[in-house]
């Protein structure tokens, strides 16, 4: 959630400081900011209060986590992604 990161930075808080203020781990805040996790409504309320923002602002421009596309997979590994025909079972030795 890009909004979360921007709001946290404008409040001059580190991820650790925000996490402590709302009773979450720093890793959870990182996951919210990167879109790996979506915060629950009660977490949004606590975070919004700690940052002094309206909770509705979190929904103005949501970032929804998605799976990597085949092109992204290739860029990360340098290899073509394996394409499987899902109709046929894999052969076992």
Protein backbone atom coordinates (compact mmCIF):
# COMPACT_ATOMS: atom_id res chain seq x y z
CA UNK A 1 0.00 0.00 0.00
CA UNK A 2 1.82 3.00 -1.27
CA UNK A 3 -0.51 5.27 0.69
CA UNK A 4 0.53 3.62 3.95
CA UNK A 5 4.23 4.16 3.29
CA UNK A 6 3.69 7.78 2.29
CA UNK A 7 1.46 8.51 5.29
CA UNK A 8 3.98 6.85 7.64
CA UNK A 9 6.86 8.87 6.18
CA UNK A 10 4.85 12.12 6.40
CA UNK A 11 4.22 11.32 10.08
CA UNK A 12 8.02 10.93 10.48
CA UNK A 13 7.66 7.39 11.82
CA UNK A 14 9.80 4.38 11.08
CA UNK A 15 8.19 1.04 10.34
CA UNK A 16 9.25 -0.09 13.82
CA UNK A 17 7.72 2.96 15.52
CA UNK A 18 4.42 2.50 13.70
CA UNK A 19 4.40 -1.21 14.50
CA UNK A 20 4.91 -0.53 18.21
CA UNK A 21 2.22 2.18 18.20
CA UNK A 22 -0.41 -0.19 16.79
CA UNK A 23 0.70 -3.44 18.41
CA UNK A 24 1.94 -5.20 15.28
CA UNK A 25 5.33 -6.48 14.20
CA UNK A 26 7.61 -4.47 11.92
CA UNK A 27 7.44 -7.35 9.45
CA UNK A 28 3.66 -6.99 9.29
CA UNK A 29 3.98 -3.29 8.49
CA UNK A 30 6.52 -4.13 5.76
CA UNK A 31 4.11 -6.71 4.31
CA UNK A 32 1.27 -4.16 4.30
CA UNK A 33 3.43 -1.54 2.59
CA UNK A 34 4.66 -3.93 -0.09
CA UNK A 35 1.23 -5.42 -0.74
CA UNK A 36 2.17 -8.91 0.39
CA UNK A 37 -0.59 -8.75 3.00
CA UNK A 38 -3.83 -6.85 3.16
CA UNK A 39 -4.58 -5.30 6.55
CA UNK A 40 -7.75 -6.24 8.40
CA UNK A 41 -10.25 -3.50 9.16
CA UNK A 42 -9.22 -3.29 12.81
CA UNK A 43 -5.56 -2.91 11.76
CA UNK A 44 -6.53 -0.15 9.31
CA UNK A 45 -8.37 1.67 12.09
CA UNK A 46 -5.38 1.47 14.45
CA UNK A 47 -2.89 2.50 11.77
CA UNK A 48 -5.07 5.41 10.61
CA UNK A 49 -5.39 6.65 14.17
CA UNK A 50 -1.63 6.39 14.78
CA UNK A 51 -0.92 8.28 11.55
CA UNK A 52 -3.69 10.85 12.03
CA UNK A 53 -5.42 10.03 8.75
CA UNK A 54 -8.95 9.06 7.78
CA UNK A 55 -9.26 5.25 7.44
CA UNK A 56 -11.23 5.78 4.20
CA UNK A 57 -8.02 7.07 2.59
CA UNK A 58 -6.67 3.51 2.58
CA UNK A 59 -9.33 2.57 0.03
CA UNK A 60 -8.86 5.51 -2.34
CA UNK A 61 -6.11 3.81 -4.36
CA UNK A 62 -5.74 0.20 -3.22
CA UNK A 63 -2.89 -1.99 -4.39
CA UNK A 64 -4.02 -5.57 -4.74
CA UNK A 65 -1.35 -8.26 -4.50
CA UNK A 66 -1.06 -10.38 -7.61
CA UNK A 67 0.94 -13.31 -8.84
CA UNK A 68 3.99 -12.67 -10.98
CA UNK A 69 3.37 -12.84 -14.71
CA UNK A 70 5.50 -15.22 -16.79
CA UNK A 71 7.61 -12.26 -17.99
CA UNK A 72 8.37 -11.26 -14.41
CA UNK A 73 9.28 -14.83 -13.57
CA UNK A 74 11.79 -14.89 -16.42
CA UNK A 75 13.36 -11.60 -15.33
CA UNK A 76 13.88 -12.88 -11.79
CA UNK A 77 15.40 -16.24 -12.69
CA UNK A 78 16.76 -15.60 -16.17
CA UNK A 79 15.00 -18.77 -17.36
CA UNK A 80 11.78 -19.34 -19.25
CA UNK A 81 8.93 -20.43 -16.96
CA UNK A 82 7.92 -24.06 -17.23
CA UNK A 83 4.64 -24.46 -19.12
CA UNK A 84 2.62 -27.51 -18.22
CA UNK A 85 -0.51 -28.91 -19.78
CA UNK A 86 -2.73 -29.13 -16.74
CA UNK A 87 -4.96 -31.72 -18.42
CA UNK A 88 -2.23 -34.36 -18.36
CA UNK A 89 -0.75 -35.72 -15.14
CA UNK A 90 3.01 -35.45 -14.64
CA UNK A 91 4.97 -38.63 -15.30
CA UNK A 92 6.58 -40.17 -12.26
CA UNK A 93 9.64 -42.39 -12.26
